[in-house]
Amino acid sequence: MNPVDGGTTGGRGRLGSLPVNADFDTVLAAAQRGDSDAFAALWRMFHPPLYRYLRVVAAPICDDAAAETWFQVARHLPSFSGGKEAFQGWLFTIARHRVIDWKRRLMRRPETLVGLHVVDSPAIESDPAEIFDEKSATDAALALIAVLPPAQAEAVMLRTVAGLSVSMTAKLMNRSPGSVRVLCHRGLRQLAGTTSNHDTPEVVGAVS
C-alpha cells in the first residue's frame, strides 16, 4: 500500500483530515466525497510528474495545461473508478488531450510556431547517472529530454518520470508496448550519448 506523501497538518499522526499512512484508495475515496484535504493529497502525489511531463511536451502552456487538467479531474472525480495506475493513466490522458488541442490550434495559426521548441542548452558537467537520478527530476535533464524527437521525449517522460507502466504508456500514446519500449530505449541512448561517452544510465533497464 502507498502512504500519502507529506507531513502532518491537522494534528499528530494526521494529514489534515487523513491519517498520514492513508493508502491511495482511502485518499481517493475521501476526495470523491469532497474532502479538500484528500484532493490536496492527490495533487501532492501526482502534480510533480505531471508538471514535468507538460514542461517537456508543451512548455509554453505547461502552467495553463496543468491547471486545466486538475480542473477536469476535480469536476469528474466523483465518477472515476479504478486504482492508482488507472488514476495516473486518467490524469495523463486528460493532460495529453490538452496538449493535443493546443497543437491543433497552433496548426491553424502556423505563424505562432516561431521559436516554439527552443530550449536553453544546459551546461553538462555531471556524470549522466547523476543527471538522471530521481527520475530525471532536474531542469538540466528536462531540457535534454525536450530536444529529443517528440515521440521519444513523451515516452521517456511517461515511463521514467511519471512512472507509468509500459501498457499504460502504450494505451495513452496509442502505440504498441513494443513501440513504447523502442522509443524509450532510443531516447535514453541518445541522452546518454549527448551527455558523455559513459555507459547508458541504468534507467534504461527500467523500460526494456
N, C-alpha and C. Protein backbone atom coordinates (compact mmCIF):
# COMPACT_ATOMS: atom_id res chain seq x y z
N MET A 1 0.84 -1.17 0.00
CA MET A 1 0.00 0.00 0.00
C MET A 1 0.89 1.24 0.00
N ASN A 2 0.39 2.31 -0.63
CA ASN A 2 1.18 3.51 -0.79
C ASN A 2 0.69 4.62 0.13
N PRO A 3 1.47 4.96 1.15
CA PRO A 3 1.05 6.04 2.05
C PRO A 3 1.05 7.37 1.35
N VAL A 4 0.27 8.29 1.86
CA VAL A 4 0.21 9.63 1.31
C VAL A 4 1.50 10.35 1.65
N ASP A 5 2.09 11.04 0.67
CA ASP A 5 3.29 11.81 0.90
C ASP A 5 2.96 13.08 1.66
N GLY A 6 3.89 13.54 2.46
CA GLY A 6 3.71 14.83 3.12
C GLY A 6 3.73 14.71 4.63
N GLY A 7 3.72 15.85 5.29
CA GLY A 7 3.76 15.87 6.74
C GLY A 7 2.39 16.00 7.33
N THR A 8 2.34 16.18 8.61
CA THR A 8 1.07 16.32 9.30
C THR A 8 0.64 17.76 9.32
N THR A 9 -0.67 17.99 9.19
CA THR A 9 -1.19 19.35 9.22
C THR A 9 -2.36 19.49 10.16
N GLY A 10 -3.07 18.41 10.40
CA GLY A 10 -4.29 18.53 11.18
C GLY A 10 -4.20 17.91 12.53
N GLY A 11 -3.00 17.72 13.04
CA GLY A 11 -2.87 17.10 14.35
C GLY A 11 -1.87 15.97 14.26
N ARG A 12 -1.42 15.53 15.40
CA ARG A 12 -0.40 14.49 15.43
C ARG A 12 -0.91 13.22 14.78
N GLY A 13 -0.10 12.70 13.83
CA GLY A 13 -0.46 11.46 13.17
C GLY A 13 -1.52 11.61 12.10
N ARG A 14 -1.81 12.87 11.66
CA ARG A 14 -2.82 13.05 10.63
C ARG A 14 -2.34 14.05 9.59
N LEU A 15 -2.80 13.87 8.37
CA LEU A 15 -2.54 14.79 7.28
C LEU A 15 -3.87 15.48 7.00
N GLY A 16 -4.12 16.62 7.64
CA GLY A 16 -5.42 17.24 7.54
C GLY A 16 -6.46 16.31 8.13
N SER A 17 -7.43 15.92 7.29
CA SER A 17 -8.49 15.02 7.75
C SER A 17 -8.13 13.56 7.56
N LEU A 18 -6.89 13.28 7.09
CA LEU A 18 -6.49 11.92 6.76
C LEU A 18 -5.34 11.44 7.65
N PRO A 19 -5.30 10.15 7.99
CA PRO A 19 -4.13 9.61 8.66
C PRO A 19 -2.92 9.74 7.75
N VAL A 20 -1.74 9.95 8.32
CA VAL A 20 -0.55 10.14 7.49
C VAL A 20 -0.21 8.89 6.68
N ASN A 21 -0.64 7.73 7.12
CA ASN A 21 -0.34 6.49 6.40
C ASN A 21 -1.50 6.03 5.53
N ALA A 22 -2.42 6.93 5.22
CA ALA A 22 -3.56 6.55 4.39
C ALA A 22 -3.09 6.08 3.02
N ASP A 23 -3.63 4.96 2.54
CA ASP A 23 -3.24 4.47 1.24
C ASP A 23 -4.02 5.19 0.15
N PHE A 24 -3.65 4.92 -1.10
CA PHE A 24 -4.25 5.65 -2.22
C PHE A 24 -5.76 5.48 -2.28
N ASP A 25 -6.25 4.26 -2.09
CA ASP A 25 -7.69 4.03 -2.19
C ASP A 25 -8.46 4.85 -1.15
N THR A 26 -7.90 4.95 0.05
CA THR A 26 -8.54 5.74 1.10
C THR A 26 -8.58 7.22 0.73
N VAL A 27 -7.44 7.71 0.23
CA VAL A 27 -7.35 9.12 -0.18
C VAL A 27 -8.33 9.41 -1.32
N LEU A 28 -8.35 8.52 -2.30
CA LEU A 28 -9.24 8.72 -3.44
C LEU A 28 -10.70 8.75 -3.01
N ALA A 29 -11.08 7.80 -2.18
CA ALA A 29 -12.48 7.74 -1.73
C ALA A 29 -12.88 9.02 -0.99
N ALA A 30 -11.97 9.53 -0.16
CA ALA A 30 -12.26 10.76 0.57
C ALA A 30 -12.37 11.94 -0.38
N ALA A 31 -11.47 11.99 -1.36
CA ALA A 31 -11.52 13.08 -2.34
C ALA A 31 -12.81 13.03 -3.14
N GLN A 32 -13.27 11.84 -3.47
CA GLN A 32 -14.51 11.71 -4.23
C GLN A 32 -15.72 12.15 -3.42
N ARG A 33 -15.60 12.11 -2.10
CA ARG A 33 -16.67 12.59 -1.23
C ARG A 33 -16.62 14.10 -1.02
N GLY A 34 -15.60 14.74 -1.60
CA GLY A 34 -15.48 16.18 -1.50
C GLY A 34 -14.53 16.66 -0.43
N ASP A 35 -13.70 15.77 0.11
CA ASP A 35 -12.74 16.14 1.15
C ASP A 35 -11.59 16.92 0.51
N SER A 36 -11.45 18.19 0.88
CA SER A 36 -10.42 19.04 0.27
C SER A 36 -9.01 18.61 0.65
N ASP A 37 -8.84 18.08 1.88
CA ASP A 37 -7.52 17.59 2.28
C ASP A 37 -7.10 16.40 1.43
N ALA A 38 -8.04 15.53 1.13
CA ALA A 38 -7.74 14.36 0.31
C ALA A 38 -7.39 14.78 -1.11
N PHE A 39 -8.13 15.75 -1.66
CA PHE A 39 -7.81 16.22 -3.01
C PHE A 39 -6.42 16.85 -3.03
N ALA A 40 -6.08 17.61 -1.99
CA ALA A 40 -4.75 18.20 -1.89
C ALA A 40 -3.69 17.11 -1.84
N ALA A 41 -3.99 16.01 -1.16
CA ALA A 41 -3.05 14.89 -1.08
C ALA A 41 -2.83 14.27 -2.46
N LEU A 42 -3.92 14.12 -3.23
CA LEU A 42 -3.78 13.61 -4.60
C LEU A 42 -2.90 14.54 -5.42
N TRP A 43 -3.12 15.84 -5.26
CA TRP A 43 -2.33 16.82 -6.00
C TRP A 43 -0.84 16.70 -5.66
N ARG A 44 -0.54 16.56 -4.37
CA ARG A 44 0.86 16.43 -3.97
C ARG A 44 1.49 15.16 -4.52
N MET A 45 0.71 14.11 -4.64
CA MET A 45 1.23 12.84 -5.13
C MET A 45 1.52 12.86 -6.62
N PHE A 46 0.66 13.53 -7.39
CA PHE A 46 0.72 13.38 -8.84
C PHE A 46 1.08 14.64 -9.62
N HIS A 47 1.02 15.81 -8.99
CA HIS A 47 1.31 17.02 -9.75
C HIS A 47 2.77 17.14 -10.19
N PRO A 48 3.76 16.82 -9.34
CA PRO A 48 5.14 17.00 -9.78
C PRO A 48 5.48 16.28 -11.08
N PRO A 49 5.19 14.96 -11.22
CA PRO A 49 5.49 14.32 -12.51
C PRO A 49 4.63 14.85 -13.65
N LEU A 50 3.39 15.21 -13.35
CA LEU A 50 2.53 15.77 -14.40
C LEU A 50 3.13 17.07 -14.94
N TYR A 51 3.57 17.93 -14.04
CA TYR A 51 4.10 19.22 -14.46
C TYR A 51 5.41 19.04 -15.24
N ARG A 52 6.24 18.12 -14.83
CA ARG A 52 7.48 17.86 -15.58
C ARG A 52 7.17 17.35 -16.98
N TYR A 53 6.19 16.49 -17.08
CA TYR A 53 5.75 15.99 -18.39
C TYR A 53 5.31 17.15 -19.27
N LEU A 54 4.49 18.04 -18.75
CA LEU A 54 3.98 19.16 -19.53
C LEU A 54 5.09 20.13 -19.89
N ARG A 55 6.07 20.29 -19.02
CA ARG A 55 7.20 21.16 -19.34
C ARG A 55 7.95 20.67 -20.57
N VAL A 56 8.01 19.37 -20.76
CA VAL A 56 8.74 18.80 -21.89
C VAL A 56 7.89 18.80 -23.16
N VAL A 57 6.62 18.39 -23.06
CA VAL A 57 5.82 18.23 -24.28
C VAL A 57 5.06 19.49 -24.68
N ALA A 58 4.92 20.45 -23.76
CA ALA A 58 4.15 21.66 -24.07
C ALA A 58 4.61 22.81 -23.18
N ALA A 59 5.88 23.13 -23.24
CA ALA A 59 6.46 24.13 -22.33
C ALA A 59 5.73 25.47 -22.32
N PRO A 60 5.33 26.02 -23.48
CA PRO A 60 4.70 27.35 -23.45
C PRO A 60 3.38 27.41 -22.70
N ILE A 61 2.72 26.27 -22.55
CA ILE A 61 1.41 26.28 -21.89
C ILE A 61 1.37 25.36 -20.68
N CYS A 62 2.54 25.00 -20.15
CA CYS A 62 2.56 23.98 -19.09
C CYS A 62 1.74 24.39 -17.87
N ASP A 63 1.81 25.66 -17.49
CA ASP A 63 1.04 26.11 -16.31
C ASP A 63 -0.46 26.04 -16.57
N ASP A 64 -0.89 26.58 -17.72
CA ASP A 64 -2.32 26.55 -18.05
C ASP A 64 -2.82 25.13 -18.23
N ALA A 65 -2.02 24.29 -18.90
CA ALA A 65 -2.43 22.91 -19.15
C ALA A 65 -2.56 22.14 -17.85
N ALA A 66 -1.64 22.38 -16.91
CA ALA A 66 -1.71 21.70 -15.62
C ALA A 66 -2.97 22.14 -14.86
N ALA A 67 -3.24 23.44 -14.88
CA ALA A 67 -4.42 23.95 -14.18
C ALA A 67 -5.71 23.38 -14.79
N GLU A 68 -5.77 23.36 -16.12
CA GLU A 68 -6.96 22.82 -16.79
C GLU A 68 -7.13 21.34 -16.51
N THR A 69 -6.02 20.63 -16.44
CA THR A 69 -6.07 19.19 -16.16
C THR A 69 -6.67 18.94 -14.78
N TRP A 70 -6.18 19.64 -13.78
CA TRP A 70 -6.69 19.44 -12.42
C TRP A 70 -8.12 19.92 -12.27
N PHE A 71 -8.50 20.93 -13.04
CA PHE A 71 -9.90 21.36 -13.02
C PHE A 71 -10.80 20.24 -13.52
N GLN A 72 -10.39 19.57 -14.60
CA GLN A 72 -11.17 18.47 -15.14
C GLN A 72 -11.20 17.29 -14.17
N VAL A 73 -10.08 17.05 -13.51
CA VAL A 73 -10.03 15.97 -12.52
C VAL A 73 -11.03 16.26 -11.40
N ALA A 74 -11.01 17.48 -10.88
CA ALA A 74 -11.92 17.84 -9.80
C ALA A 74 -13.38 17.72 -10.23
N ARG A 75 -13.64 18.09 -11.46
CA ARG A 75 -15.01 18.08 -11.96
C ARG A 75 -15.56 16.66 -12.13
N HIS A 76 -14.70 15.76 -12.58
CA HIS A 76 -15.17 14.40 -12.90
C HIS A 76 -14.72 13.34 -11.90
N LEU A 77 -14.03 13.74 -10.85
CA LEU A 77 -13.51 12.77 -9.89
C LEU A 77 -14.60 11.88 -9.27
N PRO A 78 -15.79 12.40 -8.93
CA PRO A 78 -16.80 11.53 -8.32
C PRO A 78 -17.18 10.32 -9.17
N SER A 79 -17.03 10.43 -10.48
CA SER A 79 -17.42 9.32 -11.36
C SER A 79 -16.24 8.43 -11.74
N PHE A 80 -15.04 8.77 -11.26
CA PHE A 80 -13.87 7.95 -11.59
C PHE A 80 -13.93 6.62 -10.85
N SER A 81 -13.49 5.57 -11.52
CA SER A 81 -13.43 4.25 -10.91
C SER A 81 -12.11 3.58 -11.29
N GLY A 82 -11.37 3.12 -10.30
CA GLY A 82 -10.11 2.45 -10.59
C GLY A 82 -9.10 2.68 -9.49
N GLY A 83 -7.94 2.03 -9.62
CA GLY A 83 -6.87 2.14 -8.65
C GLY A 83 -5.86 3.21 -9.02
N LYS A 84 -4.69 3.14 -8.39
CA LYS A 84 -3.67 4.17 -8.57
C LYS A 84 -3.19 4.25 -10.01
N GLU A 85 -2.89 3.11 -10.62
CA GLU A 85 -2.40 3.13 -12.00
C GLU A 85 -3.46 3.69 -12.94
N ALA A 86 -4.71 3.30 -12.72
CA ALA A 86 -5.79 3.82 -13.56
C ALA A 86 -5.93 5.33 -13.38
N PHE A 87 -5.75 5.81 -12.16
CA PHE A 87 -5.84 7.25 -11.92
C PHE A 87 -4.71 7.98 -12.64
N GLN A 88 -3.50 7.44 -12.56
CA GLN A 88 -2.38 8.03 -13.27
C GLN A 88 -2.66 8.10 -14.77
N GLY A 89 -3.16 7.00 -15.31
CA GLY A 89 -3.47 6.98 -16.74
C GLY A 89 -4.54 7.99 -17.10
N TRP A 90 -5.56 8.10 -16.25
CA TRP A 90 -6.65 9.07 -16.48
C TRP A 90 -6.11 10.50 -16.43
N LEU A 91 -5.30 10.78 -15.42
CA LEU A 91 -4.73 12.12 -15.25
C LEU A 91 -3.90 12.53 -16.47
N PHE A 92 -3.03 11.64 -16.90
CA PHE A 92 -2.15 11.97 -18.02
C PHE A 92 -2.91 11.97 -19.35
N THR A 93 -3.98 11.20 -19.44
CA THR A 93 -4.82 11.25 -20.64
C THR A 93 -5.47 12.63 -20.77
N ILE A 94 -5.99 13.14 -19.66
CA ILE A 94 -6.59 14.48 -19.67
C ILE A 94 -5.55 15.52 -20.08
N ALA A 95 -4.36 15.42 -19.48
CA ALA A 95 -3.30 16.37 -19.81
C ALA A 95 -2.90 16.27 -21.28
N ARG A 96 -2.79 15.05 -21.77
CA ARG A 96 -2.38 14.86 -23.17
C ARG A 96 -3.43 15.43 -24.12
N HIS A 97 -4.69 15.32 -23.78
CA HIS A 97 -5.74 15.91 -24.61
C HIS A 97 -5.61 17.43 -24.66
N ARG A 98 -5.20 18.04 -23.52
CA ARG A 98 -4.99 19.49 -23.51
C ARG A 98 -3.85 19.85 -24.47
N VAL A 99 -2.81 19.03 -24.46
CA VAL A 99 -1.65 19.27 -25.33
C VAL A 99 -2.05 19.10 -26.80
N ILE A 100 -2.81 18.06 -27.10
CA ILE A 100 -3.25 17.83 -28.48
C ILE A 100 -4.10 18.99 -28.97
N ASP A 101 -5.02 19.46 -28.13
CA ASP A 101 -5.86 20.60 -28.51
C ASP A 101 -5.00 21.83 -28.80
N TRP A 102 -4.01 22.06 -27.97
CA TRP A 102 -3.11 23.21 -28.16
C TRP A 102 -2.36 23.10 -29.48
N LYS A 103 -1.83 21.91 -29.78
CA LYS A 103 -1.08 21.72 -31.02
C LYS A 103 -1.99 21.89 -32.24
N ARG A 104 -3.23 21.47 -32.12
CA ARG A 104 -4.16 21.67 -33.23
C ARG A 104 -4.41 23.15 -33.47
N ARG A 105 -4.51 23.91 -32.38
CA ARG A 105 -4.71 25.35 -32.54
C ARG A 105 -3.49 25.99 -33.21
N LEU A 106 -2.31 25.50 -32.86
CA LEU A 106 -1.10 26.02 -33.47
C LEU A 106 -1.05 25.72 -34.96
N MET A 107 -1.51 24.56 -35.35
CA MET A 107 -1.53 24.19 -36.76
C MET A 107 -2.44 25.11 -37.56
N ARG A 108 -3.48 25.63 -36.91
CA ARG A 108 -4.36 26.56 -37.59
C ARG A 108 -3.78 27.97 -37.62
N ARG A 109 -2.73 28.20 -36.79
CA ARG A 109 -2.07 29.51 -36.75
C ARG A 109 -0.57 29.27 -36.79
N PRO A 110 -0.05 28.80 -37.93
CA PRO A 110 1.36 28.38 -38.01
C PRO A 110 2.35 29.48 -37.69
N GLU A 111 1.94 30.76 -37.82
CA GLU A 111 2.89 31.83 -37.53
C GLU A 111 3.32 31.85 -36.08
N THR A 112 2.54 31.23 -35.17
CA THR A 112 2.88 31.24 -33.75
C THR A 112 3.92 30.18 -33.41
N LEU A 113 4.34 29.39 -34.38
CA LEU A 113 5.28 28.33 -34.11
C LEU A 113 6.72 28.82 -34.00
N VAL A 114 7.01 30.06 -34.41
CA VAL A 114 8.37 30.56 -34.39
C VAL A 114 8.95 30.52 -32.98
N GLY A 115 10.06 29.83 -32.85
CA GLY A 115 10.73 29.75 -31.56
C GLY A 115 10.08 28.82 -30.56
N LEU A 116 9.09 28.07 -30.98
CA LEU A 116 8.31 27.27 -30.02
C LEU A 116 9.14 26.22 -29.31
N HIS A 117 10.06 25.57 -30.07
CA HIS A 117 10.78 24.45 -29.49
C HIS A 117 12.20 24.81 -29.05
N VAL A 118 12.47 26.09 -28.90
CA VAL A 118 13.80 26.50 -28.44
C VAL A 118 13.93 26.22 -26.95
N VAL A 119 14.95 25.46 -26.61
CA VAL A 119 15.22 25.14 -25.21
C VAL A 119 16.66 25.49 -24.90
N ASP A 120 16.90 26.24 -23.85
CA ASP A 120 18.27 26.58 -23.48
C ASP A 120 19.05 25.31 -23.21
N SER A 121 20.25 25.24 -23.77
CA SER A 121 21.09 24.07 -23.57
C SER A 121 21.81 24.20 -22.24
N PRO A 122 21.61 23.23 -21.34
CA PRO A 122 22.26 23.31 -20.04
C PRO A 122 23.73 22.97 -20.12
N ALA A 123 24.50 23.50 -19.20
CA ALA A 123 25.91 23.14 -19.14
C ALA A 123 26.01 21.80 -18.43
N ILE A 124 26.45 20.78 -19.14
CA ILE A 124 26.50 19.43 -18.59
C ILE A 124 27.93 19.11 -18.16
N GLU A 125 28.12 19.00 -16.86
CA GLU A 125 29.42 18.65 -16.33
C GLU A 125 29.35 17.39 -15.49
N SER A 126 28.15 17.03 -15.05
CA SER A 126 27.99 15.87 -14.18
C SER A 126 27.96 14.58 -14.97
N ASP A 127 28.20 13.49 -14.27
CA ASP A 127 28.06 12.18 -14.86
C ASP A 127 26.59 11.96 -15.21
N PRO A 128 26.27 11.35 -16.36
CA PRO A 128 24.87 11.16 -16.74
C PRO A 128 24.07 10.37 -15.73
N ALA A 129 24.71 9.46 -15.01
CA ALA A 129 23.98 8.69 -14.00
C ALA A 129 23.48 9.62 -12.90
N GLU A 130 24.24 10.68 -12.59
CA GLU A 130 23.80 11.63 -11.58
C GLU A 130 22.67 12.51 -12.11
N ILE A 131 22.77 12.88 -13.41
CA ILE A 131 21.75 13.74 -14.01
C ILE A 131 20.39 13.06 -13.97
N PHE A 132 20.37 11.75 -14.22
CA PHE A 132 19.09 11.05 -14.30
C PHE A 132 18.67 10.39 -12.99
N ASP A 133 19.36 10.70 -11.92
CA ASP A 133 18.90 10.24 -10.60
C ASP A 133 17.55 10.87 -10.30
N GLU A 134 16.81 10.18 -9.46
CA GLU A 134 15.49 10.64 -9.01
C GLU A 134 14.57 10.94 -10.19
N LYS A 135 14.56 9.97 -11.12
CA LYS A 135 13.63 10.00 -12.25
C LYS A 135 13.78 11.27 -13.11
N SER A 136 15.01 11.66 -13.32
CA SER A 136 15.31 12.78 -14.22
C SER A 136 14.67 14.10 -13.79
N ALA A 137 14.48 14.25 -12.49
CA ALA A 137 13.76 15.43 -11.99
C ALA A 137 14.69 16.60 -11.77
N THR A 138 15.40 17.05 -12.80
CA THR A 138 16.22 18.25 -12.73
C THR A 138 15.97 19.06 -13.99
N ASP A 139 16.20 20.35 -13.89
CA ASP A 139 16.00 21.21 -15.06
C ASP A 139 16.91 20.81 -16.21
N ALA A 140 18.14 20.42 -15.90
CA ALA A 140 19.07 20.03 -16.95
C ALA A 140 18.54 18.81 -17.70
N ALA A 141 18.07 17.82 -16.97
CA ALA A 141 17.57 16.60 -17.60
C ALA A 141 16.33 16.88 -18.43
N LEU A 142 15.42 17.69 -17.89
CA LEU A 142 14.20 18.00 -18.63
C LEU A 142 14.52 18.75 -19.92
N ALA A 143 15.50 19.64 -19.86
CA ALA A 143 15.88 20.37 -21.07
C ALA A 143 16.46 19.44 -22.12
N LEU A 144 17.23 18.45 -21.70
CA LEU A 144 17.78 17.47 -22.63
C LEU A 144 16.68 16.61 -23.24
N ILE A 145 15.76 16.15 -22.40
CA ILE A 145 14.67 15.32 -22.90
C ILE A 145 13.82 16.09 -23.91
N ALA A 146 13.64 17.39 -23.67
CA ALA A 146 12.78 18.20 -24.52
C ALA A 146 13.28 18.30 -25.95
N VAL A 147 14.57 18.08 -26.19
CA VAL A 147 15.08 18.20 -27.56
C VAL A 147 15.13 16.85 -28.28
N LEU A 148 14.67 15.80 -27.64
CA LEU A 148 14.51 14.52 -28.33
C LEU A 148 13.37 14.63 -29.34
N PRO A 149 13.31 13.73 -30.32
CA PRO A 149 12.11 13.66 -31.17
C PRO A 149 10.87 13.56 -30.29
N PRO A 150 9.78 14.23 -30.64
CA PRO A 150 8.61 14.32 -29.75
C PRO A 150 8.12 13.00 -29.19
N ALA A 151 8.02 11.97 -30.02
CA ALA A 151 7.51 10.69 -29.53
C ALA A 151 8.45 10.07 -28.50
N GLN A 152 9.77 10.20 -28.74
CA GLN A 152 10.74 9.68 -27.78
C GLN A 152 10.66 10.45 -26.47
N ALA A 153 10.58 11.77 -26.56
CA ALA A 153 10.52 12.60 -25.35
C ALA A 153 9.30 12.25 -24.53
N GLU A 154 8.16 12.07 -25.18
CA GLU A 154 6.93 11.77 -24.45
C GLU A 154 7.01 10.40 -23.80
N ALA A 155 7.53 9.41 -24.53
CA ALA A 155 7.64 8.06 -23.97
C ALA A 155 8.58 8.04 -22.77
N VAL A 156 9.72 8.73 -22.87
CA VAL A 156 10.67 8.79 -21.76
C VAL A 156 10.04 9.46 -20.55
N MET A 157 9.32 10.56 -20.77
CA MET A 157 8.69 11.25 -19.65
C MET A 157 7.62 10.39 -18.96
N LEU A 158 6.79 9.75 -19.76
CA LEU A 158 5.71 8.94 -19.18
C LEU A 158 6.24 7.73 -18.42
N ARG A 159 7.31 7.11 -18.95
CA ARG A 159 7.83 5.90 -18.32
C ARG A 159 8.76 6.20 -17.15
N THR A 160 9.76 7.07 -17.36
CA THR A 160 10.80 7.23 -16.35
C THR A 160 10.51 8.35 -15.36
N VAL A 161 9.73 9.32 -15.73
CA VAL A 161 9.42 10.43 -14.83
C VAL A 161 8.05 10.24 -14.18
N ALA A 162 7.02 10.02 -15.02
CA ALA A 162 5.69 9.80 -14.47
C ALA A 162 5.56 8.42 -13.83
N GLY A 163 6.38 7.48 -14.29
CA GLY A 163 6.36 6.15 -13.70
C GLY A 163 5.22 5.27 -14.18
N LEU A 164 4.64 5.60 -15.35
CA LEU A 164 3.56 4.77 -15.88
C LEU A 164 4.13 3.46 -16.41
N SER A 165 3.31 2.42 -16.39
CA SER A 165 3.72 1.12 -16.92
C SER A 165 3.82 1.19 -18.44
N VAL A 166 4.48 0.21 -19.02
CA VAL A 166 4.58 0.14 -20.48
C VAL A 166 3.19 0.06 -21.10
N SER A 167 2.33 -0.78 -20.53
CA SER A 167 1.00 -0.96 -21.10
C SER A 167 0.17 0.32 -21.02
N MET A 168 0.27 1.04 -19.89
CA MET A 168 -0.47 2.28 -19.74
C MET A 168 0.08 3.35 -20.68
N THR A 169 1.39 3.42 -20.81
CA THR A 169 2.01 4.38 -21.73
C THR A 169 1.60 4.09 -23.16
N ALA A 170 1.59 2.81 -23.52
CA ALA A 170 1.19 2.42 -24.87
C ALA A 170 -0.26 2.83 -25.15
N LYS A 171 -1.12 2.60 -24.18
CA LYS A 171 -2.52 2.98 -24.34
C LYS A 171 -2.67 4.49 -24.49
N LEU A 172 -1.95 5.22 -23.68
CA LEU A 172 -2.01 6.68 -23.70
C LEU A 172 -1.52 7.24 -25.03
N MET A 173 -0.44 6.67 -25.57
CA MET A 173 0.16 7.16 -26.80
C MET A 173 -0.43 6.51 -28.05
N ASN A 174 -1.37 5.59 -27.84
CA ASN A 174 -1.98 4.87 -28.97
C ASN A 174 -0.92 4.13 -29.79
N ARG A 175 -0.03 3.43 -29.08
CA ARG A 175 1.03 2.66 -29.70
C ARG A 175 1.07 1.27 -29.07
N SER A 176 1.86 0.39 -29.66
CA SER A 176 2.03 -0.94 -29.08
C SER A 176 3.05 -0.87 -27.96
N PRO A 177 3.00 -1.81 -27.01
CA PRO A 177 4.01 -1.84 -25.94
C PRO A 177 5.43 -1.94 -26.50
N GLY A 178 5.59 -2.73 -27.56
CA GLY A 178 6.92 -2.85 -28.18
C GLY A 178 7.41 -1.53 -28.72
N SER A 179 6.53 -0.76 -29.32
CA SER A 179 6.90 0.56 -29.84
C SER A 179 7.33 1.49 -28.72
N VAL A 180 6.62 1.44 -27.60
CA VAL A 180 6.97 2.29 -26.45
C VAL A 180 8.36 1.92 -25.93
N ARG A 181 8.65 0.63 -25.83
CA ARG A 181 9.97 0.20 -25.35
C ARG A 181 11.06 0.69 -26.28
N VAL A 182 10.83 0.60 -27.58
CA VAL A 182 11.82 1.07 -28.56
C VAL A 182 12.03 2.57 -28.44
N LEU A 183 10.95 3.33 -28.32
CA LEU A 183 11.06 4.79 -28.18
C LEU A 183 11.86 5.16 -26.94
N CYS A 184 11.57 4.51 -25.82
CA CYS A 184 12.29 4.80 -24.58
C CYS A 184 13.76 4.43 -24.71
N HIS A 185 14.02 3.27 -25.26
CA HIS A 185 15.40 2.81 -25.40
C HIS A 185 16.20 3.76 -26.28
N ARG A 186 15.65 4.14 -27.42
CA ARG A 186 16.36 5.05 -28.32
C ARG A 186 16.55 6.43 -27.69
N GLY A 187 15.51 6.90 -27.04
CA GLY A 187 15.60 8.21 -26.41
C GLY A 187 16.67 8.25 -25.33
N LEU A 188 16.69 7.24 -24.47
CA LEU A 188 17.66 7.23 -23.39
C LEU A 188 19.08 7.00 -23.89
N ARG A 189 19.21 6.21 -24.95
CA ARG A 189 20.53 6.02 -25.55
C ARG A 189 21.04 7.34 -26.12
N GLN A 190 20.16 8.09 -26.76
CA GLN A 190 20.55 9.38 -27.32
C GLN A 190 20.94 10.36 -26.21
N LEU A 191 20.19 10.34 -25.12
CA LEU A 191 20.51 11.21 -24.00
C LEU A 191 21.87 10.86 -23.40
N ALA A 192 22.14 9.58 -23.27
CA ALA A 192 23.42 9.16 -22.72
C ALA A 192 24.56 9.59 -23.63
N GLY A 193 24.36 9.47 -24.95
CA GLY A 193 25.39 9.89 -25.89
C GLY A 193 25.59 11.39 -25.90
N THR A 194 24.52 12.14 -25.60
CA THR A 194 24.61 13.59 -25.57
C THR A 194 25.40 14.09 -24.39
N THR A 195 25.22 13.46 -23.25
CA THR A 195 25.84 13.96 -22.03
C THR A 195 27.28 13.53 -21.85
N SER A 196 27.64 12.33 -22.33
CA SER A 196 29.02 11.88 -22.19
C SER A 196 29.20 10.61 -22.99
N ASN A 197 30.38 10.09 -22.98
CA ASN A 197 30.66 8.82 -23.64
C ASN A 197 30.56 7.64 -22.68
N HIS A 198 30.02 7.88 -21.48
CA HIS A 198 29.87 6.80 -20.49
C HIS A 198 28.76 5.87 -20.92
N ASP A 199 28.63 4.80 -20.18
CA ASP A 199 27.57 3.84 -20.46
C ASP A 199 26.22 4.48 -20.30
N THR A 200 25.20 3.92 -20.96
CA THR A 200 23.83 4.39 -20.82
C THR A 200 23.38 4.33 -19.39
N PRO A 201 22.69 5.35 -18.87
CA PRO A 201 22.21 5.33 -17.48
C PRO A 201 21.39 4.08 -17.18
N GLU A 202 21.42 3.69 -15.92
CA GLU A 202 20.72 2.47 -15.50
C GLU A 202 19.24 2.54 -15.74
N VAL A 203 18.68 3.76 -15.87
CA VAL A 203 17.25 3.90 -16.05
C VAL A 203 16.75 3.21 -17.30
N VAL A 204 17.67 2.97 -18.27
CA VAL A 204 17.28 2.25 -19.48
C VAL A 204 16.71 0.88 -19.12
N GLY A 205 17.29 0.26 -18.12
CA GLY A 205 16.81 -1.07 -17.73
C GLY A 205 15.39 -1.06 -17.28
N ALA A 206 14.89 0.08 -16.83
CA ALA A 206 13.54 0.16 -16.31
C ALA A 206 12.50 0.15 -17.40
N VAL A 207 12.91 0.41 -18.64
CA VAL A 207 11.96 0.47 -19.73
C VAL A 207 12.20 -0.60 -20.78
N SER A 208 13.16 -1.47 -20.54
CA SER A 208 13.47 -2.50 -21.52
C SER A 208 12.38 -3.55 -21.58
